[in-house]
Amino acid sequence: MMHSKFQFHYYVPSAMSNLPQQGWKVHVSAFYDNYRKVLKKVAKYCYLKRIPFKYVLSIQLRDLLGKQASRLAAGKLITIYPKDDQQFEEIVLDLYKALRNIHGPYILTDRRYRNSRCLYYRYGTIARQNRTIYSKNGVPFQDASQPTYANPTLAKDPFIADHEKKHQRPLKLFSEYEITDVYRYSNFGGTYKPRLHN
């Protein structure tokens, strides 16, 4: 696992050696008042299934939940590492049920699962030490380099049907406006200067 300035605690079972270099991983977000509850639910599930995961120590919650937290890391309080695509799907479906009424901050780099308020996922590095992911053709991409969801390797997302991909519409904001400047960045809604497309 890559090193981080945050103090994470890792649960590393023997299954850790079977993790892929890159793949789909799951993030769970939470707020100050429900973090312990969420962590207990997720930890219990991962312990029983012997799934590797990490979680931020409570002393650093402010660093990941504050308005000025890094937009690339904000909200990622728990990270779960599936061994393959099949286990990834199983984890998301199981935790969606277990965390149905849990609320957490939005994770900007990830895709939210259905209508969950705390369950997110993205394709990225897992066992690889550097932040580089590769397409099937070996083209390198920097992993999660922008505070928006992206899937540059075009890895197949099992939760998006082919017909949904074809009919996805761009957000009205970006289809009608172009962002020309940023007045203030914030994890709870920045302030931007727009301009109508010609």
N, C-alpha and C. Protein backbone atom coordinates (compact mmCIF):
# COMPACT_ATOMS: atom_id res chain seq x y z
N MET A 1 0.83 -1.20 0.00
CA MET A 1 0.00 0.00 0.00
C MET A 1 0.88 1.26 0.00
N MET A 2 0.38 2.29 -0.64
CA MET A 2 1.15 3.52 -0.70
C MET A 2 1.10 4.24 0.63
N HIS A 3 2.11 5.01 0.91
CA HIS A 3 2.15 5.76 2.16
C HIS A 3 1.30 7.02 2.05
N SER A 4 0.82 7.51 3.17
CA SER A 4 -0.03 8.70 3.18
C SER A 4 0.35 9.55 4.37
N LYS A 5 0.06 10.85 4.24
CA LYS A 5 0.34 11.74 5.36
C LYS A 5 -0.66 11.50 6.49
N PHE A 6 -1.77 10.82 6.18
CA PHE A 6 -2.76 10.51 7.20
C PHE A 6 -2.39 9.22 7.91
N GLN A 7 -2.80 9.12 9.16
CA GLN A 7 -2.50 7.94 9.96
C GLN A 7 -3.63 6.93 9.81
N PHE A 8 -3.43 5.96 8.93
CA PHE A 8 -4.42 4.92 8.73
C PHE A 8 -4.05 3.68 9.52
N HIS A 9 -5.07 2.98 9.96
CA HIS A 9 -4.85 1.68 10.57
C HIS A 9 -5.27 0.64 9.54
N TYR A 10 -4.40 -0.33 9.29
CA TYR A 10 -4.69 -1.34 8.28
C TYR A 10 -5.09 -2.66 8.94
N TYR A 11 -6.13 -3.27 8.40
CA TYR A 11 -6.44 -4.64 8.75
C TYR A 11 -5.93 -5.47 7.58
N VAL A 12 -4.87 -6.21 7.81
CA VAL A 12 -4.18 -6.89 6.71
C VAL A 12 -4.14 -8.39 6.95
N PRO A 13 -5.12 -9.12 6.49
CA PRO A 13 -5.11 -10.58 6.63
C PRO A 13 -4.18 -11.22 5.62
N SER A 14 -4.06 -12.50 5.65
CA SER A 14 -3.18 -13.20 4.71
C SER A 14 -3.63 -12.98 3.27
N ALA A 15 -4.91 -12.63 3.10
CA ALA A 15 -5.43 -12.40 1.74
C ALA A 15 -4.79 -11.20 1.07
N MET A 16 -4.06 -10.40 1.84
CA MET A 16 -3.43 -9.19 1.29
C MET A 16 -2.51 -9.53 0.13
N SER A 17 -1.86 -10.66 0.20
CA SER A 17 -0.91 -11.03 -0.84
C SER A 17 -1.60 -11.37 -2.16
N ASN A 18 -2.91 -11.57 -2.12
CA ASN A 18 -3.64 -11.92 -3.33
C ASN A 18 -4.26 -10.70 -4.03
N LEU A 19 -4.01 -9.52 -3.50
CA LEU A 19 -4.62 -8.33 -4.08
C LEU A 19 -3.97 -7.98 -5.42
N PRO A 20 -4.75 -7.47 -6.36
CA PRO A 20 -4.21 -7.06 -7.66
C PRO A 20 -3.47 -5.74 -7.57
N GLN A 21 -2.69 -5.43 -8.58
CA GLN A 21 -1.98 -4.16 -8.63
C GLN A 21 -2.95 -2.99 -8.75
N GLN A 22 -4.03 -3.20 -9.47
CA GLN A 22 -5.05 -2.16 -9.64
C GLN A 22 -6.40 -2.84 -9.80
N GLY A 23 -7.46 -2.07 -9.56
CA GLY A 23 -8.80 -2.64 -9.67
C GLY A 23 -9.83 -1.74 -9.02
N TRP A 24 -11.04 -2.23 -8.90
CA TRP A 24 -12.11 -1.47 -8.26
C TRP A 24 -11.94 -1.52 -6.75
N LYS A 25 -12.07 -0.37 -6.10
CA LYS A 25 -12.01 -0.35 -4.64
C LYS A 25 -13.17 0.47 -4.10
N VAL A 26 -13.47 0.28 -2.85
CA VAL A 26 -14.67 0.86 -2.23
C VAL A 26 -14.26 1.85 -1.16
N HIS A 27 -14.93 3.00 -1.13
CA HIS A 27 -14.73 3.98 -0.06
C HIS A 27 -16.04 4.19 0.69
N VAL A 28 -15.93 4.33 1.98
CA VAL A 28 -17.09 4.61 2.82
C VAL A 28 -16.84 5.92 3.55
N SER A 29 -17.80 6.83 3.46
CA SER A 29 -17.67 8.11 4.14
C SER A 29 -18.59 8.16 5.35
N ALA A 30 -18.33 9.10 6.24
CA ALA A 30 -19.13 9.25 7.45
C ALA A 30 -18.89 10.65 8.01
N PHE A 31 -19.71 11.05 8.97
CA PHE A 31 -19.54 12.31 9.66
C PHE A 31 -19.00 12.06 11.07
N TYR A 32 -18.67 13.13 11.78
CA TYR A 32 -18.13 12.99 13.13
C TYR A 32 -19.04 12.16 14.03
N ASP A 33 -20.35 12.41 13.94
CA ASP A 33 -21.28 11.79 14.88
C ASP A 33 -21.62 10.34 14.57
N ASN A 34 -21.33 9.85 13.36
CA ASN A 34 -21.67 8.46 13.07
C ASN A 34 -20.46 7.63 12.64
N TYR A 35 -19.27 8.22 12.73
CA TYR A 35 -18.08 7.52 12.25
C TYR A 35 -17.85 6.19 12.96
N ARG A 36 -17.95 6.18 14.28
CA ARG A 36 -17.70 4.95 15.03
C ARG A 36 -18.72 3.87 14.67
N LYS A 37 -19.96 4.28 14.49
CA LYS A 37 -21.01 3.33 14.11
C LYS A 37 -20.73 2.72 12.75
N VAL A 38 -20.34 3.57 11.81
CA VAL A 38 -20.04 3.10 10.46
C VAL A 38 -18.83 2.19 10.47
N LEU A 39 -17.79 2.58 11.20
CA LEU A 39 -16.57 1.78 11.26
C LEU A 39 -16.85 0.40 11.84
N LYS A 40 -17.67 0.33 12.88
CA LYS A 40 -17.99 -0.98 13.48
C LYS A 40 -18.70 -1.88 12.49
N LYS A 41 -19.63 -1.32 11.74
CA LYS A 41 -20.37 -2.12 10.75
C LYS A 41 -19.44 -2.63 9.65
N VAL A 42 -18.61 -1.73 9.13
CA VAL A 42 -17.72 -2.11 8.04
C VAL A 42 -16.65 -3.09 8.52
N ALA A 43 -16.09 -2.82 9.70
CA ALA A 43 -15.04 -3.69 10.24
C ALA A 43 -15.58 -5.10 10.50
N LYS A 44 -16.75 -5.19 11.07
CA LYS A 44 -17.35 -6.50 11.33
C LYS A 44 -17.52 -7.29 10.04
N TYR A 45 -18.00 -6.60 9.02
CA TYR A 45 -18.22 -7.26 7.74
C TYR A 45 -16.89 -7.73 7.14
N CYS A 46 -15.89 -6.85 7.14
CA CYS A 46 -14.60 -7.20 6.55
C CYS A 46 -13.86 -8.27 7.35
N TYR A 47 -13.99 -8.23 8.67
CA TYR A 47 -13.37 -9.27 9.49
C TYR A 47 -13.93 -10.64 9.15
N LEU A 48 -15.25 -10.72 9.06
CA LEU A 48 -15.91 -12.00 8.78
C LEU A 48 -15.55 -12.53 7.39
N LYS A 49 -15.42 -11.61 6.44
CA LYS A 49 -15.12 -12.00 5.06
C LYS A 49 -13.61 -12.04 4.79
N ARG A 50 -12.81 -11.60 5.76
CA ARG A 50 -11.36 -11.51 5.63
C ARG A 50 -10.96 -10.68 4.41
N ILE A 51 -11.53 -9.48 4.37
CA ILE A 51 -11.27 -8.54 3.28
C ILE A 51 -10.37 -7.42 3.81
N PRO A 52 -9.27 -7.14 3.17
CA PRO A 52 -8.38 -6.06 3.62
C PRO A 52 -9.07 -4.69 3.55
N PHE A 53 -8.85 -3.87 4.58
CA PHE A 53 -9.37 -2.51 4.56
C PHE A 53 -8.50 -1.63 5.45
N LYS A 54 -8.66 -0.35 5.30
CA LYS A 54 -7.95 0.59 6.16
C LYS A 54 -8.93 1.67 6.59
N TYR A 55 -8.64 2.29 7.72
CA TYR A 55 -9.50 3.38 8.19
C TYR A 55 -8.65 4.44 8.86
N VAL A 56 -9.11 5.68 8.75
CA VAL A 56 -8.37 6.78 9.33
C VAL A 56 -8.60 6.81 10.85
N LEU A 57 -7.57 7.16 11.58
CA LEU A 57 -7.71 7.26 13.03
C LEU A 57 -8.59 8.46 13.37
N SER A 58 -9.40 8.34 14.41
CA SER A 58 -10.37 9.38 14.75
C SER A 58 -9.71 10.72 15.02
N ILE A 59 -8.44 10.70 15.43
CA ILE A 59 -7.75 11.96 15.73
C ILE A 59 -7.59 12.82 14.48
N GLN A 60 -7.68 12.20 13.30
CA GLN A 60 -7.51 12.95 12.06
C GLN A 60 -8.80 13.12 11.27
N LEU A 61 -9.92 12.89 11.89
CA LEU A 61 -11.19 13.09 11.21
C LEU A 61 -11.33 14.52 10.68
N ARG A 62 -10.87 15.48 11.47
CA ARG A 62 -11.00 16.88 11.06
C ARG A 62 -10.26 17.15 9.76
N ASP A 63 -9.12 16.44 9.57
CA ASP A 63 -8.33 16.66 8.36
C ASP A 63 -9.04 16.17 7.10
N LEU A 64 -9.93 15.19 7.25
CA LEU A 64 -10.62 14.63 6.10
C LEU A 64 -12.07 15.10 5.99
N LEU A 65 -12.56 15.76 7.01
CA LEU A 65 -13.96 16.21 6.99
C LEU A 65 -14.11 17.73 6.96
N GLY A 66 -13.03 18.44 7.18
CA GLY A 66 -13.10 19.89 7.19
C GLY A 66 -13.32 20.48 5.80
N LYS A 67 -13.83 21.71 5.76
CA LYS A 67 -14.11 22.37 4.48
C LYS A 67 -12.86 22.56 3.64
N GLN A 68 -11.71 22.69 4.29
CA GLN A 68 -10.48 22.94 3.55
C GLN A 68 -9.64 21.68 3.35
N ALA A 69 -10.22 20.52 3.60
CA ALA A 69 -9.50 19.27 3.39
C ALA A 69 -9.18 19.08 1.91
N SER A 70 -8.16 18.32 1.62
CA SER A 70 -7.82 18.02 0.23
C SER A 70 -9.03 17.43 -0.48
N ARG A 71 -9.36 17.98 -1.63
CA ARG A 71 -10.53 17.50 -2.36
C ARG A 71 -10.31 16.12 -2.95
N LEU A 72 -9.06 15.69 -3.04
CA LEU A 72 -8.76 14.35 -3.55
C LEU A 72 -8.90 13.29 -2.46
N ALA A 73 -8.83 13.70 -1.21
CA ALA A 73 -8.88 12.74 -0.10
C ALA A 73 -10.11 12.90 0.78
N ALA A 74 -10.79 14.03 0.69
CA ALA A 74 -11.90 14.33 1.60
C ALA A 74 -12.96 13.24 1.62
N GLY A 75 -13.34 12.86 2.83
CA GLY A 75 -14.42 11.90 3.02
C GLY A 75 -14.02 10.44 2.98
N LYS A 76 -12.81 10.14 2.53
CA LYS A 76 -12.38 8.74 2.39
C LYS A 76 -11.90 8.21 3.74
N LEU A 77 -12.84 7.93 4.61
CA LEU A 77 -12.50 7.49 5.96
C LEU A 77 -12.19 6.01 6.02
N ILE A 78 -12.83 5.22 5.15
CA ILE A 78 -12.60 3.78 5.11
C ILE A 78 -12.39 3.36 3.66
N THR A 79 -11.35 2.60 3.41
CA THR A 79 -11.08 2.08 2.07
C THR A 79 -11.03 0.57 2.13
N ILE A 80 -11.75 -0.08 1.22
CA ILE A 80 -11.83 -1.54 1.19
C ILE A 80 -11.22 -2.03 -0.11
N TYR A 81 -10.41 -3.10 -0.01
CA TYR A 81 -9.66 -3.60 -1.17
C TYR A 81 -10.14 -4.99 -1.59
N PRO A 82 -10.99 -5.07 -2.61
CA PRO A 82 -11.45 -6.38 -3.11
C PRO A 82 -10.33 -7.11 -3.84
N LYS A 83 -10.40 -8.43 -3.84
CA LYS A 83 -9.37 -9.23 -4.53
C LYS A 83 -9.66 -9.36 -6.01
N ASP A 84 -10.93 -9.16 -6.42
CA ASP A 84 -11.28 -9.24 -7.83
C ASP A 84 -12.62 -8.55 -8.06
N ASP A 85 -13.05 -8.51 -9.31
CA ASP A 85 -14.30 -7.82 -9.66
C ASP A 85 -15.52 -8.47 -9.00
N GLN A 86 -15.51 -9.78 -8.90
CA GLN A 86 -16.64 -10.48 -8.29
C GLN A 86 -16.80 -10.10 -6.83
N GLN A 87 -15.69 -10.07 -6.10
CA GLN A 87 -15.77 -9.68 -4.69
C GLN A 87 -16.13 -8.20 -4.55
N PHE A 88 -15.66 -7.38 -5.47
CA PHE A 88 -16.01 -5.96 -5.47
C PHE A 88 -17.53 -5.79 -5.54
N GLU A 89 -18.18 -6.47 -6.46
CA GLU A 89 -19.63 -6.38 -6.59
C GLU A 89 -20.32 -6.84 -5.31
N GLU A 90 -19.83 -7.94 -4.75
CA GLU A 90 -20.42 -8.50 -3.53
C GLU A 90 -20.32 -7.52 -2.37
N ILE A 91 -19.16 -6.89 -2.22
CA ILE A 91 -18.95 -5.93 -1.13
C ILE A 91 -19.91 -4.76 -1.26
N VAL A 92 -20.01 -4.20 -2.45
CA VAL A 92 -20.87 -3.03 -2.66
C VAL A 92 -22.33 -3.37 -2.38
N LEU A 93 -22.78 -4.50 -2.86
CA LEU A 93 -24.18 -4.90 -2.66
C LEU A 93 -24.47 -5.16 -1.18
N ASP A 94 -23.54 -5.82 -0.50
CA ASP A 94 -23.73 -6.13 0.92
C ASP A 94 -23.72 -4.86 1.78
N LEU A 95 -22.76 -3.97 1.52
CA LEU A 95 -22.65 -2.76 2.33
C LEU A 95 -23.77 -1.78 2.01
N TYR A 96 -24.29 -1.83 0.80
CA TYR A 96 -25.43 -0.97 0.46
C TYR A 96 -26.61 -1.29 1.38
N LYS A 97 -26.80 -2.56 1.67
CA LYS A 97 -27.87 -2.97 2.57
C LYS A 97 -27.53 -2.61 4.02
N ALA A 98 -26.30 -2.86 4.41
CA ALA A 98 -25.90 -2.64 5.80
C ALA A 98 -25.84 -1.17 6.18
N LEU A 99 -25.56 -0.31 5.20
CA LEU A 99 -25.38 1.13 5.48
C LEU A 99 -26.49 1.97 4.85
N ARG A 100 -27.64 1.38 4.70
CA ARG A 100 -28.72 2.02 3.96
C ARG A 100 -29.11 3.39 4.51
N ASN A 101 -29.13 3.56 5.81
CA ASN A 101 -29.58 4.82 6.41
C ASN A 101 -28.44 5.70 6.91
N ILE A 102 -27.22 5.40 6.48
CA ILE A 102 -26.05 6.15 6.92
C ILE A 102 -25.76 7.31 5.96
N HIS A 103 -25.44 8.47 6.52
CA HIS A 103 -25.08 9.63 5.71
C HIS A 103 -23.61 9.97 5.92
N GLY A 104 -22.97 10.41 4.85
CA GLY A 104 -21.59 10.85 4.92
C GLY A 104 -21.34 11.89 3.84
N PRO A 105 -20.20 12.55 3.86
CA PRO A 105 -19.89 13.55 2.84
C PRO A 105 -19.67 12.91 1.47
N TYR A 106 -19.87 13.71 0.44
CA TYR A 106 -19.67 13.24 -0.94
C TYR A 106 -18.18 13.08 -1.21
N ILE A 107 -17.80 11.99 -1.87
CA ILE A 107 -16.41 11.77 -2.24
C ILE A 107 -16.25 12.16 -3.70
N LEU A 108 -15.53 13.22 -3.94
CA LEU A 108 -15.47 13.83 -5.27
C LEU A 108 -14.82 12.96 -6.33
N THR A 109 -13.83 12.15 -5.95
CA THR A 109 -13.10 11.35 -6.94
C THR A 109 -13.81 10.06 -7.31
N ASP A 110 -14.90 9.75 -6.61
CA ASP A 110 -15.55 8.45 -6.77
C ASP A 110 -16.95 8.55 -7.37
N ARG A 111 -17.48 7.40 -7.75
CA ARG A 111 -18.87 7.30 -8.20
C ARG A 111 -19.70 6.78 -7.03
N ARG A 112 -20.81 7.46 -6.76
CA ARG A 112 -21.70 7.01 -5.69
C ARG A 112 -22.51 5.82 -6.16
N TYR A 113 -22.67 4.83 -5.27
CA TYR A 113 -23.48 3.68 -5.63
C TYR A 113 -24.96 3.97 -5.40
N ARG A 114 -25.72 3.94 -6.47
CA ARG A 114 -27.17 4.18 -6.45
C ARG A 114 -27.49 5.43 -5.63
N ASN A 115 -28.41 5.29 -4.66
CA ASN A 115 -28.82 6.45 -3.85
C ASN A 115 -28.16 6.45 -2.47
N SER A 116 -27.11 5.66 -2.31
CA SER A 116 -26.40 5.64 -1.02
C SER A 116 -25.83 7.00 -0.71
N ARG A 117 -25.77 7.35 0.57
CA ARG A 117 -25.20 8.63 1.00
C ARG A 117 -23.81 8.45 1.61
N CYS A 118 -23.25 7.23 1.52
CA CYS A 118 -21.94 7.01 2.13
C CYS A 118 -21.07 5.99 1.40
N LEU A 119 -21.60 5.38 0.34
CA LEU A 119 -20.90 4.27 -0.32
C LEU A 119 -20.46 4.69 -1.73
N TYR A 120 -19.15 4.65 -1.96
CA TYR A 120 -18.57 5.11 -3.22
C TYR A 120 -17.54 4.11 -3.72
N TYR A 121 -17.20 4.23 -5.00
CA TYR A 121 -16.18 3.34 -5.56
C TYR A 121 -15.51 3.98 -6.76
N ARG A 122 -14.34 3.47 -7.08
CA ARG A 122 -13.64 3.89 -8.30
C ARG A 122 -12.58 2.87 -8.63
N TYR A 123 -12.09 2.95 -9.86
CA TYR A 123 -11.01 2.08 -10.32
C TYR A 123 -9.69 2.80 -10.08
N GLY A 124 -8.76 2.12 -9.40
CA GLY A 124 -7.49 2.77 -9.09
C GLY A 124 -6.45 1.79 -8.62
N THR A 125 -5.35 2.32 -8.10
CA THR A 125 -4.27 1.46 -7.61
C THR A 125 -4.70 0.75 -6.33
N ILE A 126 -4.21 -0.46 -6.17
CA ILE A 126 -4.49 -1.23 -4.95
C ILE A 126 -3.17 -1.66 -4.32
N ALA A 127 -2.49 -2.63 -4.92
CA ALA A 127 -1.21 -3.08 -4.36
C ALA A 127 -0.03 -2.31 -4.91
N ARG A 128 -0.21 -1.63 -6.04
CA ARG A 128 0.90 -0.90 -6.64
C ARG A 128 1.30 0.28 -5.76
N GLN A 129 2.59 0.52 -5.64
CA GLN A 129 3.10 1.55 -4.75
C GLN A 129 2.93 2.97 -5.31
N ASN A 130 3.04 3.15 -6.62
CA ASN A 130 2.90 4.49 -7.17
C ASN A 130 1.45 4.71 -7.62
N ARG A 131 1.12 5.95 -7.91
CA ARG A 131 -0.25 6.31 -8.28
C ARG A 131 -0.44 6.30 -9.80
N THR A 132 -0.11 5.17 -10.40
CA THR A 132 -0.28 5.03 -11.84
C THR A 132 -1.13 3.80 -12.14
N ILE A 133 -2.12 3.98 -13.00
CA ILE A 133 -2.94 2.85 -13.43
C ILE A 133 -2.76 2.70 -14.94
N TYR A 134 -2.98 1.49 -15.44
CA TYR A 134 -2.73 1.20 -16.84
C TYR A 134 -3.97 0.62 -17.52
N SER A 135 -4.17 1.03 -18.77
CA SER A 135 -5.25 0.47 -19.57
C SER A 135 -4.85 -0.93 -20.03
N LYS A 136 -5.77 -1.63 -20.69
CA LYS A 136 -5.46 -2.98 -21.18
C LYS A 136 -4.33 -2.94 -22.20
N ASN A 137 -4.17 -1.81 -22.86
CA ASN A 137 -3.10 -1.67 -23.86
C ASN A 137 -1.80 -1.14 -23.27
N GLY A 138 -1.77 -0.98 -21.94
CA GLY A 138 -0.56 -0.54 -21.28
C GLY A 138 -0.36 0.96 -21.23
N VAL A 139 -1.41 1.73 -21.56
CA VAL A 139 -1.29 3.19 -21.50
C VAL A 139 -1.40 3.64 -20.05
N PRO A 140 -0.44 4.42 -19.56
CA PRO A 140 -0.46 4.85 -18.15
C PRO A 140 -1.32 6.08 -17.93
N PHE A 141 -1.97 6.13 -16.77
CA PHE A 141 -2.75 7.28 -16.35
C PHE A 141 -2.47 7.53 -14.87
N GLN A 142 -2.49 8.79 -14.48
CA GLN A 142 -2.33 9.11 -13.07
C GLN A 142 -3.64 8.81 -12.35
N ASP A 143 -3.55 8.16 -11.22
CA ASP A 143 -4.74 7.72 -10.48
C ASP A 143 -5.35 8.87 -9.69
N ALA A 144 -6.64 9.16 -9.94
CA ALA A 144 -7.40 10.15 -9.18
C ALA A 144 -6.64 11.46 -9.02
N SER A 145 -6.30 12.07 -10.12
CA SER A 145 -5.52 13.31 -10.08
C SER A 145 -6.39 14.56 -10.05
N GLN A 146 -7.71 14.40 -10.26
CA GLN A 146 -8.63 15.53 -10.26
C GLN A 146 -9.80 15.24 -9.32
N PRO A 147 -10.43 16.28 -8.74
CA PRO A 147 -11.55 16.06 -7.80
C PRO A 147 -12.87 15.79 -8.51
N THR A 148 -12.82 14.92 -9.52
CA THR A 148 -14.02 14.48 -10.22
C THR A 148 -13.86 13.00 -10.54
N TYR A 149 -14.99 12.31 -10.69
CA TYR A 149 -14.91 10.88 -11.00
C TYR A 149 -14.44 10.68 -12.43
N ALA A 150 -13.51 9.76 -12.62
CA ALA A 150 -13.02 9.43 -13.95
C ALA A 150 -12.64 7.96 -14.00
N ASN A 151 -12.76 7.38 -15.17
CA ASN A 151 -12.37 5.99 -15.40
C ASN A 151 -11.53 5.95 -16.68
N PRO A 152 -10.31 6.53 -16.64
CA PRO A 152 -9.51 6.69 -17.86
C PRO A 152 -9.09 5.38 -18.52
N THR A 153 -8.99 4.29 -17.76
CA THR A 153 -8.58 3.02 -18.35
C THR A 153 -9.75 2.32 -19.04
N LEU A 154 -10.96 2.88 -18.87
CA LEU A 154 -12.19 2.30 -19.43
C LEU A 154 -12.45 0.90 -18.89
N ALA A 155 -12.07 0.68 -17.63
CA ALA A 155 -12.38 -0.59 -16.98
C ALA A 155 -13.89 -0.75 -16.90
N LYS A 156 -14.38 -1.94 -17.13
CA LYS A 156 -15.82 -2.17 -17.16
C LYS A 156 -16.43 -2.01 -15.77
N ASP A 157 -17.35 -1.08 -15.67
CA ASP A 157 -18.05 -0.83 -14.41
C ASP A 157 -19.24 -1.79 -14.34
N PRO A 158 -19.23 -2.75 -13.42
CA PRO A 158 -20.31 -3.74 -13.36
C PRO A 158 -21.66 -3.16 -12.94
N PHE A 159 -21.66 -1.94 -12.45
CA PHE A 159 -22.92 -1.34 -11.99
C PHE A 159 -23.52 -0.37 -13.01
N ILE A 160 -22.90 -0.28 -14.18
CA ILE A 160 -23.48 0.55 -15.23
C ILE A 160 -23.72 -0.32 -16.45
N ALA A 161 -24.97 -0.51 -16.80
CA ALA A 161 -25.31 -1.31 -17.98
C ALA A 161 -24.92 -0.54 -19.24
N ASP A 162 -24.68 -1.27 -20.31
CA ASP A 162 -24.25 -0.64 -21.56
C ASP A 162 -25.25 0.39 -22.05
N HIS A 163 -26.55 0.10 -21.92
CA HIS A 163 -27.54 1.06 -22.41
C HIS A 163 -27.56 2.33 -21.57
N GLU A 164 -27.18 2.21 -20.28
CA GLU A 164 -27.13 3.39 -19.42
C GLU A 164 -25.99 4.29 -19.85
N LYS A 165 -24.85 3.69 -20.23
CA LYS A 165 -23.70 4.48 -20.68
C LYS A 165 -24.07 5.31 -21.90
N LYS A 166 -24.81 4.70 -22.83
CA LYS A 166 -25.15 5.38 -24.07
C LYS A 166 -26.11 6.54 -23.85
N HIS A 167 -26.94 6.44 -22.82
CA HIS A 167 -27.96 7.45 -22.61
C HIS A 167 -27.66 8.41 -21.47
N GLN A 168 -26.44 8.32 -20.92
CA GLN A 168 -26.08 9.26 -19.86
C GLN A 168 -25.99 10.67 -20.43
N ARG A 169 -26.57 11.61 -19.74
CA ARG A 169 -26.55 13.00 -20.19
C ARG A 169 -25.58 13.81 -19.33
N PRO A 170 -24.88 14.75 -19.92
CA PRO A 170 -23.98 15.59 -19.12
C PRO A 170 -24.79 16.50 -18.21
N LEU A 171 -24.20 16.89 -17.09
CA LEU A 171 -24.88 17.81 -16.19
C LEU A 171 -25.21 19.11 -16.91
N LYS A 172 -26.39 19.67 -16.62
CA LYS A 172 -26.82 20.90 -17.29
C LYS A 172 -25.80 22.01 -17.11
N LEU A 173 -25.20 22.06 -15.92
CA LEU A 173 -24.20 23.10 -15.63
C LEU A 173 -23.09 23.09 -16.67
N PHE A 174 -22.56 21.89 -16.96
CA PHE A 174 -21.42 21.80 -17.85
C PHE A 174 -21.81 21.78 -19.32
N SER A 175 -23.07 21.45 -19.62
CA SER A 175 -23.50 21.47 -21.02
C SER A 175 -23.84 22.89 -21.47
N GLU A 176 -24.19 23.77 -20.54
CA GLU A 176 -24.57 25.13 -20.91
C GLU A 176 -23.54 26.19 -20.51
N TYR A 177 -22.71 25.85 -19.52
CA TYR A 177 -21.75 26.83 -19.02
C TYR A 177 -20.32 26.29 -19.06
N GLU A 178 -19.39 27.18 -19.14
CA GLU A 178 -17.97 26.87 -19.04
C GLU A 178 -17.42 27.58 -17.82
N ILE A 179 -16.71 26.84 -16.97
CA ILE A 179 -16.12 27.43 -15.77
C ILE A 179 -14.83 28.13 -16.18
N THR A 180 -14.77 29.43 -15.97
CA THR A 180 -13.60 30.21 -16.39
C THR A 180 -12.67 30.59 -15.24
N ASP A 181 -13.18 30.51 -14.00
CA ASP A 181 -12.33 30.88 -12.87
C ASP A 181 -12.92 30.29 -11.60
N VAL A 182 -12.10 30.19 -10.58
CA VAL A 182 -12.53 29.67 -9.28
C VAL A 182 -12.26 30.72 -8.22
N TYR A 183 -13.31 31.13 -7.51
CA TYR A 183 -13.15 32.10 -6.44
C TYR A 183 -12.73 31.43 -5.14
N ARG A 184 -13.31 30.23 -4.89
CA ARG A 184 -13.03 29.55 -3.62
C ARG A 184 -13.29 28.06 -3.78
N TYR A 185 -12.31 27.25 -3.34
CA TYR A 185 -12.48 25.81 -3.32
C TYR A 185 -13.02 25.39 -1.96
N SER A 186 -13.91 24.42 -1.94
CA SER A 186 -14.43 23.89 -0.68
C SER A 186 -15.04 22.54 -0.95
N ASN A 187 -14.93 21.63 0.04
CA ASN A 187 -15.54 20.31 -0.08
C ASN A 187 -17.04 20.35 0.10
N PHE A 188 -17.56 21.50 0.52
CA PHE A 188 -18.99 21.63 0.73
C PHE A 188 -19.62 22.59 -0.29
N GLY A 189 -18.93 22.77 -1.43
CA GLY A 189 -19.46 23.61 -2.48
C GLY A 189 -18.60 24.83 -2.71
N GLY A 190 -17.84 24.83 -3.80
CA GLY A 190 -16.97 25.96 -4.10
C GLY A 190 -17.74 27.07 -4.79
N THR A 191 -17.04 28.17 -5.08
CA THR A 191 -17.64 29.30 -5.78
C THR A 191 -16.88 29.49 -7.08
N TYR A 192 -17.62 29.45 -8.20
CA TYR A 192 -17.00 29.46 -9.51
C TYR A 192 -17.53 30.59 -10.39
N LYS A 193 -16.74 30.99 -11.36
CA LYS A 193 -17.16 32.00 -12.33
C LYS A 193 -17.51 31.29 -13.63
N PRO A 194 -18.79 31.35 -14.06
CA PRO A 194 -19.22 30.65 -15.28
C PRO A 194 -19.33 31.58 -16.49
N ARG A 195 -19.38 30.96 -17.65
CA ARG A 195 -19.62 31.70 -18.87
C ARG A 195 -20.46 30.82 -19.80
N LEU A 196 -21.50 31.39 -20.37
CA LEU A 196 -22.37 30.63 -21.27
C LEU A 196 -21.58 30.18 -22.50
N HIS A 197 -21.84 28.92 -22.92
CA HIS A 197 -21.23 28.46 -24.15
C HIS A 197 -21.79 29.26 -25.32
N ASN A 198 -20.96 29.51 -26.30
CA ASN A 198 -21.41 30.24 -27.50
C ASN A 198 -22.29 29.33 -28.37
